[in-house]
């Protein structure tokens, strides 16, 4: 994929910093998405730029064939608390 972003996120232990970036016009903009997305920023491995991982906004990423990358939210079903209830009822029986 290709990075067309003009900013990146720097995640620290206690804060997040957003800063402007200037990427080279050549293949230095090419990277590999790791699949991790936090607050609209995707982690991208940039081996042709500096070999490090960077966080770019999802809307600033373009696929290999020019397709727009979008963030999709997938809802996970909540786990039921039945297991806790059964443990408590077993303790009540004793």
PDB file of N, CA and C in Angstrom:
ATOM      1  N   UNK A   1       0.832  -1.171   0.000  1.00  0.00           N
ATOM      2  CA  UNK A   1       0.000   0.000   0.000  1.00  0.00           C
ATOM      3  C   UNK A   1       0.880   1.239   0.000  1.00  0.00           C
ATOM      4  N   UNK A   2       0.293   2.355  -0.298  1.00  0.00           N
ATOM      5  CA  UNK A   2       1.032   3.626  -0.409  1.00  0.00           C
ATOM      6  C   UNK A   2       0.475   4.620   0.604  1.00  0.00           C
ATOM      7  N   UNK A   3       1.376   5.335   1.252  1.00  0.00           N
ATOM      8  CA  UNK A   3       0.989   6.343   2.240  1.00  0.00           C
ATOM      9  C   UNK A   3       0.907   7.701   1.557  1.00  0.00           C
ATOM     10  N   UNK A   4      -0.271   8.318   1.626  1.00  0.00           N
ATOM     11  CA  UNK A   4      -0.494   9.657   1.064  1.00  0.00           C
ATOM     12  C   UNK A   4      -0.799  10.652   2.183  1.00  0.00           C
ATOM     13  N   UNK A   5      -0.480  10.290   3.405  1.00  0.00           N
ATOM     14  CA  UNK A   5      -0.816  11.111   4.573  1.00  0.00           C
ATOM     15  C   UNK A   5       0.174  12.257   4.749  1.00  0.00           C
ATOM     16  N   UNK A   6      -0.308  13.319   5.390  1.00  0.00           N
ATOM     17  CA  UNK A   6       0.565  14.448   5.700  1.00  0.00           C
ATOM     18  C   UNK A   6       0.787  14.581   7.203  1.00  0.00           C
ATOM     19  N   UNK A   7       0.315  13.574   7.953  1.00  0.00           N
ATOM     20  CA  UNK A   7       0.528  13.580   9.402  1.00  0.00           C
ATOM     21  C   UNK A   7       0.640  12.137   9.894  1.00  0.00           C
ATOM     22  N   UNK A   8       1.211  11.985  11.076  1.00  0.00           N
ATOM     23  CA  UNK A   8       1.310  10.673  11.709  1.00  0.00           C
ATOM     24  C   UNK A   8       1.124  10.820  13.211  1.00  0.00           C
ATOM     25  N   UNK A   9       0.753   9.740  13.853  1.00  0.00           N
ATOM     26  CA  UNK A   9       0.565   9.740  15.304  1.00  0.00           C
ATOM     27  C   UNK A   9       1.784   9.101  15.951  1.00  0.00           C
ATOM     28  N   UNK A  10       2.195   9.683  17.057  1.00  0.00           N
ATOM     29  CA  UNK A  10       3.276   9.133  17.866  1.00  0.00           C
ATOM     30  C   UNK A  10       2.640   8.761  19.202  1.00  0.00           C
ATOM     31  N   UNK A  11       2.532   7.472  19.477  1.00  0.00           N
ATOM     32  CA  UNK A  11       1.910   7.005  20.713  1.00  0.00           C
ATOM     33  C   UNK A  11       2.974   6.872  21.797  1.00  0.00           C
ATOM     34  N   UNK A  12       2.798   7.651  22.869  1.00  0.00           N
ATOM     35  CA  UNK A  12       3.690   7.570  24.016  1.00  0.00           C
ATOM     36  C   UNK A  12       3.016   6.796  25.132  1.00  0.00           C
ATOM     37  N   UNK A  13       3.673   6.680  26.254  1.00  0.00           N
ATOM     38  CA  UNK A  13       3.103   5.939  27.376  1.00  0.00           C
ATOM     39  C   UNK A  13       1.887   6.644  27.974  1.00  0.00           C
ATOM     40  N   UNK A  14       1.902   7.978  27.961  1.00  0.00           N
ATOM     41  CA  UNK A  14       0.817   8.713  28.600  1.00  0.00           C
ATOM     42  C   UNK A  14       0.065   9.647  27.658  1.00  0.00           C
ATOM     43  N   UNK A  15       0.524   9.788  26.421  1.00  0.00           N
ATOM     44  CA  UNK A  15      -0.117  10.739  25.514  1.00  0.00           C
ATOM     45  C   UNK A  15       0.105  10.341  24.063  1.00  0.00           C
ATOM     46  N   UNK A  16      -0.652  10.973  23.175  1.00  0.00           N
ATOM     47  CA  UNK A  16      -0.512  10.789  21.738  1.00  0.00           C
ATOM     48  C   UNK A  16      -0.177  12.136  21.129  1.00  0.00           C
ATOM     49  N   UNK A  17       0.804  12.158  20.274  1.00  0.00           N
ATOM     50  CA  UNK A  17       1.197  13.386  19.598  1.00  0.00           C
ATOM     51  C   UNK A  17       0.921  13.210  18.102  1.00  0.00           C
ATOM     52  N   UNK A  18       0.294  14.192  17.476  1.00  0.00           N
ATOM     53  CA  UNK A  18       0.063  14.192  16.035  1.00  0.00           C
ATOM     54  C   UNK A  18       1.016  15.216  15.432  1.00  0.00           C
ATOM     55  N   UNK A  19       1.798  14.781  14.453  1.00  0.00           N
ATOM     56  CA  UNK A  19       2.740  15.721  13.837  1.00  0.00           C
ATOM     57  C   UNK A  19       2.675  15.617  12.317  1.00  0.00           C
ATOM     58  N   UNK A  20       3.038  16.702  11.663  1.00  0.00           N
ATOM     59  CA  UNK A  20       3.069  16.735  10.203  1.00  0.00           C
ATOM     60  C   UNK A  20       4.296  15.972   9.722  1.00  0.00           C
ATOM     61  N   UNK A  21       4.143  15.299   8.590  1.00  0.00           N
ATOM     62  CA  UNK A  21       5.259  14.553   8.014  1.00  0.00           C
ATOM     63  C   UNK A  21       5.381  14.885   6.535  1.00  0.00           C
ATOM     64  N   UNK A  22       6.586  14.755   6.030  1.00  0.00           N
ATOM     65  CA  UNK A  22       6.848  14.889   4.611  1.00  0.00           C
ATOM     66  C   UNK A  22       7.533  13.611   4.162  1.00  0.00           C
ATOM     67  N   UNK A  23       6.852  12.861   3.329  1.00  0.00           N
ATOM     68  CA  UNK A  23       7.393  11.596   2.846  1.00  0.00           C
ATOM     69  C   UNK A  23       7.993  11.789   1.459  1.00  0.00           C
ATOM     70  N   UNK A  24       8.979  10.983   1.107  1.00  0.00           N
ATOM     71  CA  UNK A  24       9.583  11.111  -0.228  1.00  0.00           C
ATOM     72  C   UNK A  24       8.573  10.805  -1.327  1.00  0.00           C
ATOM     73  N   UNK A  25       8.820  11.306  -2.516  1.00  0.00           N
ATOM     74  CA  UNK A  25       7.913  11.102  -3.649  1.00  0.00           C
ATOM     75  C   UNK A  25       8.104   9.724  -4.295  1.00  0.00           C
ATOM     76  N   UNK A  26       9.205   9.063  -4.039  1.00  0.00           N
ATOM     77  CA  UNK A  26       9.495   7.779  -4.681  1.00  0.00           C
ATOM     78  C   UNK A  26       8.864   6.607  -3.916  1.00  0.00           C
ATOM     79  N   UNK A  27       9.447   5.445  -3.995  1.00  0.00           N
ATOM     80  CA  UNK A  27       8.924   4.249  -3.333  1.00  0.00           C
ATOM     81  C   UNK A  27       9.017   4.294  -1.814  1.00  0.00           C
ATOM     82  N   UNK A  28       9.589   5.338  -1.258  1.00  0.00           N
ATOM     83  CA  UNK A  28       9.672   5.486   0.193  1.00  0.00           C
ATOM     84  C   UNK A  28       8.309   5.620   0.844  1.00  0.00           C
ATOM     85  N   UNK A  29       7.280   5.860   0.051  1.00  0.00           N
ATOM     86  CA  UNK A  29       5.908   5.965   0.572  1.00  0.00           C
ATOM     87  C   UNK A  29       5.227   4.603   0.682  1.00  0.00           C
ATOM     88  N   UNK A  30       5.835   3.560   0.142  1.00  0.00           N
ATOM     89  CA  UNK A  30       5.222   2.236   0.155  1.00  0.00           C
ATOM     90  C   UNK A  30       5.429   1.568   1.507  1.00  0.00           C
ATOM     91  N   UNK A  31       4.389   0.872   1.967  1.00  0.00           N
ATOM     92  CA  UNK A  31       4.469   0.197   3.252  1.00  0.00           C
ATOM     93  C   UNK A  31       3.537  -0.993   3.306  1.00  0.00           C
ATOM     94  N   UNK A  32       3.541  -1.648   4.454  1.00  0.00           N
ATOM     95  CA  UNK A  32       2.705  -2.817   4.681  1.00  0.00           C
ATOM     96  C   UNK A  32       1.887  -2.576   5.939  1.00  0.00           C
ATOM     97  N   UNK A  33       0.565  -2.671   5.802  1.00  0.00           N
ATOM     98  CA  UNK A  33      -0.305  -2.491   6.966  1.00  0.00           C
ATOM     99  C   UNK A  33      -0.145  -3.696   7.892  1.00  0.00           C
ATOM    100  N   UNK A  34      -0.017  -3.426   9.192  1.00  0.00           N
ATOM    101  CA  UNK A  34       0.105  -4.527  10.153  1.00  0.00           C
ATOM    102  C   UNK A  34      -1.260  -5.048  10.583  1.00  0.00           C
ATOM    103  N   UNK A  35      -2.313  -4.278  10.350  1.00  0.00           N
ATOM    104  CA  UNK A  35      -3.657  -4.690  10.741  1.00  0.00           C
ATOM    105  C   UNK A  35      -4.117  -4.095  12.055  1.00  0.00           C
ATOM    106  N   UNK A  36      -3.262  -3.350  12.721  1.00  0.00           N
ATOM    107  CA  UNK A  36      -3.622  -2.719  13.985  1.00  0.00           C
ATOM    108  C   UNK A  36      -4.089  -1.290  13.724  1.00  0.00           C
ATOM    109  N   UNK A  37      -5.287  -0.967  14.213  1.00  0.00           N
ATOM    110  CA  UNK A  37      -5.843   0.371  14.052  1.00  0.00           C
ATOM    111  C   UNK A  37      -6.278   0.883  15.419  1.00  0.00           C
ATOM    112  N   UNK A  38      -5.833   2.099  15.761  1.00  0.00           N
ATOM    113  CA  UNK A  38      -6.218   2.735  17.019  1.00  0.00           C
ATOM    114  C   UNK A  38      -6.658   4.155  16.701  1.00  0.00           C
ATOM    115  N   UNK A  39      -7.873   4.485  17.090  1.00  0.00           N
ATOM    116  CA  UNK A  39      -8.411   5.841  16.949  1.00  0.00           C
ATOM    117  C   UNK A  39      -8.262   6.392  15.533  1.00  0.00           C
ATOM    118  N   UNK A  40      -8.501   5.543  14.523  1.00  0.00           N
ATOM    119  CA  UNK A  40      -8.440   5.995  13.138  1.00  0.00           C
ATOM    120  C   UNK A  40      -7.055   6.025  12.533  1.00  0.00           C
ATOM    121  N   UNK A  41      -6.038   5.602  13.278  1.00  0.00           N
ATOM    122  CA  UNK A  41      -4.667   5.550  12.786  1.00  0.00           C
ATOM    123  C   UNK A  41      -4.239   4.099  12.655  1.00  0.00           C
ATOM    124  N   UNK A  42      -3.660   3.764  11.505  1.00  0.00           N
ATOM    125  CA  UNK A  42      -3.246   2.393  11.214  1.00  0.00           C
ATOM    126  C   UNK A  42      -1.726   2.276  11.322  1.00  0.00           C
ATOM    127  N   UNK A  43      -1.275   1.183  11.912  1.00  0.00           N
ATOM    128  CA  UNK A  43       0.161   0.929  12.003  1.00  0.00           C
ATOM    129  C   UNK A  43       0.645   0.417  10.644  1.00  0.00           C
ATOM    130  N   UNK A  44       1.711   1.046  10.125  1.00  0.00           N
ATOM    131  CA  UNK A  44       2.246   0.701   8.815  1.00  0.00           C
ATOM    132  C   UNK A  44       3.741   0.448   8.955  1.00  0.00           C
ATOM    133  N   UNK A  45       4.177  -0.723   8.483  1.00  0.00           N
ATOM    134  CA  UNK A  45       5.602  -1.056   8.453  1.00  0.00           C
ATOM    135  C   UNK A  45       6.178  -0.410   7.198  1.00  0.00           C
ATOM    136  N   UNK A  46       7.203   0.425   7.360  1.00  0.00           N
ATOM    137  CA  UNK A  46       7.762   1.195   6.249  1.00  0.00           C
ATOM    138  C   UNK A  46       9.205   0.757   5.931  1.00  0.00           C
ATOM    139  N   UNK A  47       9.399  -0.442   5.376  1.00  0.00           N
ATOM    140  CA  UNK A  47      10.753  -0.938   5.115  1.00  0.00           C
ATOM    141  C   UNK A  47      11.530  -0.117   4.088  1.00  0.00           C
ATOM    142  N   UNK A  48      10.854   0.460   3.101  1.00  0.00           N
ATOM    143  CA  UNK A  48      11.574   1.231   2.085  1.00  0.00           C
ATOM    144  C   UNK A  48      11.823   2.679   2.512  1.00  0.00           C
ATOM    145  N   UNK A  49      11.194   3.114   3.606  1.00  0.00           N
ATOM    146  CA  UNK A  49      11.396   4.479   4.105  1.00  0.00           C
ATOM    147  C   UNK A  49      12.516   4.497   5.136  1.00  0.00           C
ATOM    148  N   UNK A  50      12.264   3.899   6.308  1.00  0.00           N
ATOM    149  CA  UNK A  50      13.292   3.868   7.345  1.00  0.00           C
ATOM    150  C   UNK A  50      13.328   2.532   8.088  1.00  0.00           C
ATOM    151  N   UNK A  51      12.523   1.570   7.638  1.00  0.00           N
ATOM    152  CA  UNK A  51      12.514   0.254   8.265  1.00  0.00           C
ATOM    153  C   UNK A  51      11.755   0.184   9.571  1.00  0.00           C
ATOM    154  N   UNK A  52      11.073   1.259   9.940  1.00  0.00           N
ATOM    155  CA  UNK A  52      10.344   1.305  11.207  1.00  0.00           C
ATOM    156  C   UNK A  52       8.841   1.283  10.954  1.00  0.00           C
ATOM    157  N   UNK A  53       8.085   1.100  12.036  1.00  0.00           N
ATOM    158  CA  UNK A  53       6.629   1.146  11.956  1.00  0.00           C
ATOM    159  C   UNK A  53       6.164   2.551  12.326  1.00  0.00           C
ATOM    160  N   UNK A  54       5.190   3.044  11.581  1.00  0.00           N
ATOM    161  CA  UNK A  54       4.636   4.371  11.796  1.00  0.00           C
ATOM    162  C   UNK A  54       3.119   4.256  11.856  1.00  0.00           C
ATOM    163  N   UNK A  55       2.470   5.260  12.428  1.00  0.00           N
ATOM    164  CA  UNK A  55       1.010   5.297  12.538  1.00  0.00           C
ATOM    165  C   UNK A  55       0.477   6.420  11.680  1.00  0.00           C
ATOM    166  N   UNK A  56      -0.281   6.075  10.622  1.00  0.00           N
ATOM    167  CA  UNK A  56      -0.838   7.059   9.697  1.00  0.00           C
ATOM    168  C   UNK A  56      -2.357   6.980   9.726  1.00  0.00           C
ATOM    169  N   UNK A  57      -3.048   8.110   9.463  1.00  0.00           N
ATOM    170  CA  UNK A  57      -4.511   8.063   9.443  1.00  0.00           C
ATOM    171  C   UNK A  57      -4.985   7.140   8.310  1.00  0.00           C
ATOM    172  N   UNK A  58      -6.023   6.371   8.589  1.00  0.00           N
ATOM    173  CA  UNK A  58      -6.533   5.415   7.616  1.00  0.00           C
ATOM    174  C   UNK A  58      -6.913   6.113   6.313  1.00  0.00           C
ATOM    175  N   UNK A  59      -7.500   7.315   6.406  1.00  0.00           N
ATOM    176  CA  UNK A  59      -7.915   8.011   5.184  1.00  0.00           C
ATOM    177  C   UNK A  59      -6.731   8.473   4.337  1.00  0.00           C
ATOM    178  N   UNK A  60      -5.515   8.402   4.861  1.00  0.00           N
ATOM    179  CA  UNK A  60      -4.318   8.781   4.120  1.00  0.00           C
ATOM    180  C   UNK A  60      -3.603   7.598   3.488  1.00  0.00           C
ATOM    181  N   UNK A  61      -4.268   6.436   3.436  1.00  0.00           N
ATOM    182  CA  UNK A  61      -3.665   5.232   2.871  1.00  0.00           C
ATOM    183  C   UNK A  61      -4.376   4.845   1.578  1.00  0.00           C
ATOM    184  N   UNK A  62      -3.585   4.375   0.616  1.00  0.00           N
ATOM    185  CA  UNK A  62      -4.118   3.980  -0.685  1.00  0.00           C
ATOM    186  C   UNK A  62      -3.604   2.580  -1.002  1.00  0.00           C
ATOM    187  N   UNK A  63      -4.486   1.724  -1.528  1.00  0.00           N
ATOM    188  CA  UNK A  63      -4.107   0.359  -1.874  1.00  0.00           C
ATOM    189  C   UNK A  63      -3.179   0.294  -3.078  1.00  0.00           C
ATOM    190  N   UNK A  64      -2.682  -0.904  -3.363  1.00  0.00           N
ATOM    191  CA  UNK A  64      -1.740  -1.111  -4.464  1.00  0.00           C
ATOM    192  C   UNK A  64      -2.301  -0.687  -5.815  1.00  0.00           C
ATOM    193  N   UNK A  65      -3.612  -0.838  -5.991  1.00  0.00           N
ATOM    194  CA  UNK A  65      -4.249  -0.503  -7.270  1.00  0.00           C
ATOM    195  C   UNK A  65      -5.003   0.821  -7.208  1.00  0.00           C
ATOM    196  N   UNK A  66      -4.662   1.666  -6.227  1.00  0.00           N
ATOM    197  CA  UNK A  66      -5.282   2.978  -6.104  1.00  0.00           C
ATOM    198  C   UNK A  66      -6.583   2.989  -5.321  1.00  0.00           C
ATOM    199  N   UNK A  67      -6.985   1.845  -4.762  1.00  0.00           N
ATOM    200  CA  UNK A  67      -8.233   1.801  -4.008  1.00  0.00           C
ATOM    201  C   UNK A  67      -8.076   2.492  -2.657  1.00  0.00           C
ATOM    202  N   UNK A  68      -9.151   3.118  -2.222  1.00  0.00           N
ATOM    203  CA  UNK A  68      -9.158   3.831  -0.947  1.00  0.00           C
ATOM    204  C   UNK A  68      -9.261   2.814   0.196  1.00  0.00           C
ATOM    205  N   UNK A  69      -8.453   2.981   1.212  1.00  0.00           N
ATOM    206  CA  UNK A  69      -8.493   2.134   2.394  1.00  0.00           C
ATOM    207  C   UNK A  69      -9.495   2.748   3.369  1.00  0.00           C
ATOM    208  N   UNK A  70     -10.404   1.943   3.891  1.00  0.00           N
ATOM    209  CA  UNK A  70     -11.393   2.429   4.849  1.00  0.00           C
ATOM    210  C   UNK A  70     -11.340   1.578   6.102  1.00  0.00           C
ATOM    211  N   UNK A  71     -11.680   2.208   7.207  1.00  0.00           N
ATOM    212  CA  UNK A  71     -11.737   1.505   8.480  1.00  0.00           C
ATOM    213  C   UNK A  71     -13.141   0.942   8.646  1.00  0.00           C
ATOM    214  N   UNK A  72     -13.216  -0.341   8.919  1.00  0.00           N
ATOM    215  CA  UNK A  72     -14.504  -0.996   9.114  1.00  0.00           C
ATOM    216  C   UNK A  72     -14.620  -1.416  10.570  1.00  0.00           C
ATOM    217  N   UNK A  73     -15.703  -1.018  11.199  1.00  0.00           N
ATOM    218  CA  UNK A  73     -15.925  -1.380  12.593  1.00  0.00           C
ATOM    219  C   UNK A  73     -16.714  -2.673  12.639  1.00  0.00           C
ATOM    220  N   UNK A  74     -16.179  -3.663  13.324  1.00  0.00           N
ATOM    221  CA  UNK A  74     -16.840  -4.957  13.453  1.00  0.00           C
ATOM    222  C   UNK A  74     -17.236  -5.140  14.910  1.00  0.00           C
ATOM    223  N   UNK A  75     -18.524  -5.302  15.140  1.00  0.00           N
ATOM    224  CA  UNK A  75     -19.000  -5.494  16.502  1.00  0.00           C
ATOM    225  C   UNK A  75     -18.821  -6.953  16.899  1.00  0.00           C
ATOM    226  N   UNK A  76     -18.254  -7.168  18.064  1.00  0.00           N
ATOM    227  CA  UNK A  76     -18.084  -8.519  18.593  1.00  0.00           C
ATOM    228  C   UNK A  76     -19.217  -8.793  19.567  1.00  0.00           C
ATOM    229  N   UNK A  77     -19.780  -9.997  19.516  1.00  0.00           N
ATOM    230  CA  UNK A  77     -20.859 -10.310  20.455  1.00  0.00           C
ATOM    231  C   UNK A  77     -20.322 -10.336  21.885  1.00  0.00           C
ATOM    232  N   UNK A  78     -21.134  -9.840  22.796  1.00  0.00           N
ATOM    233  CA  UNK A  78     -20.728  -9.841  24.198  1.00  0.00           C
ATOM    234  C   UNK A  78     -20.823 -11.249  24.759  1.00  0.00           C
ATOM    235  N   UNK A  79     -19.868 -11.579  25.603  1.00  0.00           N
ATOM    236  CA  UNK A  79     -19.905 -12.885  26.246  1.00  0.00           C
ATOM    237  C   UNK A  79     -20.961 -12.866  27.338  1.00  0.00           C
ATOM    238  N   UNK A  80     -21.676 -13.963  27.470  1.00  0.00           N
ATOM    239  CA  UNK A  80     -22.697 -14.024  28.516  1.00  0.00           C
ATOM    240  C   UNK A  80     -22.032 -14.293  29.860  1.00  0.00           C
ATOM    241  N   UNK A  81     -22.679 -13.844  30.913  1.00  0.00           N
ATOM    242  CA  UNK A  81     -22.157 -14.024  32.265  1.00  0.00           C
ATOM    243  C   UNK A  81     -22.714 -15.288  32.917  1.00  0.00           C
ATOM    244  N   UNK A  82     -23.202 -16.240  32.116  1.00  0.00           N
ATOM    245  CA  UNK A  82     -23.789 -17.472  32.644  1.00  0.00           C
ATOM    246  C   UNK A  82     -22.801 -18.269  33.482  1.00  0.00           C
ATOM    247  N   UNK A  83     -21.526 -18.257  33.097  1.00  0.00           N
ATOM    248  CA  UNK A  83     -20.531 -19.051  33.831  1.00  0.00           C
ATOM    249  C   UNK A  83     -20.364 -18.540  35.257  1.00  0.00           C
ATOM    250  N   UNK A  84     -20.424 -17.215  35.448  1.00  0.00           N
ATOM    251  CA  UNK A  84     -20.309 -16.656  36.797  1.00  0.00           C
ATOM    252  C   UNK A  84     -21.532 -17.017  37.626  1.00  0.00           C
ATOM    253  N   UNK A  85     -22.717 -16.983  37.008  1.00  0.00           N
ATOM    254  CA  UNK A  85     -23.948 -17.314  37.718  1.00  0.00           C
ATOM    255  C   UNK A  85     -23.943 -18.758  38.195  1.00  0.00           C
ATOM    256  N   UNK A  86     -23.446 -19.660  37.357  1.00  0.00           N
ATOM    257  CA  UNK A  86     -23.449 -21.067  37.746  1.00  0.00           C
ATOM    258  C   UNK A  86     -22.473 -21.316  38.888  1.00  0.00           C
ATOM    259  N   UNK A  87     -21.363 -20.608  38.932  1.00  0.00           N
ATOM    260  CA  UNK A  87     -20.402 -20.761  40.031  1.00  0.00           C
ATOM    261  C   UNK A  87     -21.028 -20.250  41.335  1.00  0.00           C
ATOM    262  N   UNK A  88     -21.716 -19.105  41.240  1.00  0.00           N
ATOM    263  CA  UNK A  88     -22.344 -18.548  42.441  1.00  0.00           C
ATOM    264  C   UNK A  88     -23.452 -19.472  42.945  1.00  0.00           C
ATOM    265  N   UNK A  89     -24.257 -20.056  42.068  1.00  0.00           N
ATOM    266  CA  UNK A  89     -25.338 -20.927  42.517  1.00  0.00           C
ATOM    267  C   UNK A  89     -24.793 -22.206  43.115  1.00  0.00           C
ATOM    268  N   UNK A  90     -23.662 -22.703  42.634  1.00  0.00           N
ATOM    269  CA  UNK A  90     -23.034 -23.890  43.229  1.00  0.00           C
ATOM    270  C   UNK A  90     -22.548 -23.563  44.637  1.00  0.00           C
ATOM    271  N   UNK A  91     -22.001 -22.355  44.844  1.00  0.00           N
ATOM    272  CA  UNK A  91     -21.530 -21.955  46.173  1.00  0.00           C
ATOM    273  C   UNK A  91     -22.700 -21.815  47.132  1.00  0.00           C
ATOM    274  N   UNK A  92     -23.852 -21.339  46.633  1.00  0.00           N
ATOM    275  CA  UNK A  92     -25.039 -21.193  47.480  1.00  0.00           C
ATOM    276  C   UNK A  92     -25.563 -22.536  47.954  1.00  0.00           C
ATOM    277  N   UNK A  93     -25.408 -23.576  47.108  1.00  0.00           N
ATOM    278  CA  UNK A  93     -25.926 -24.897  47.430  1.00  0.00           C
ATOM    279  C   UNK A  93     -25.141 -25.549  48.569  1.00  0.00           C
ATOM    280  N   UNK A  94     -23.878 -25.206  48.709  1.00  0.00           N
ATOM    281  CA  UNK A  94     -23.019 -25.816  49.724  1.00  0.00           C
ATOM    282  C   UNK A  94     -23.334 -25.222  51.045  1.00  0.00           C
TER     283      UNK A  94
END
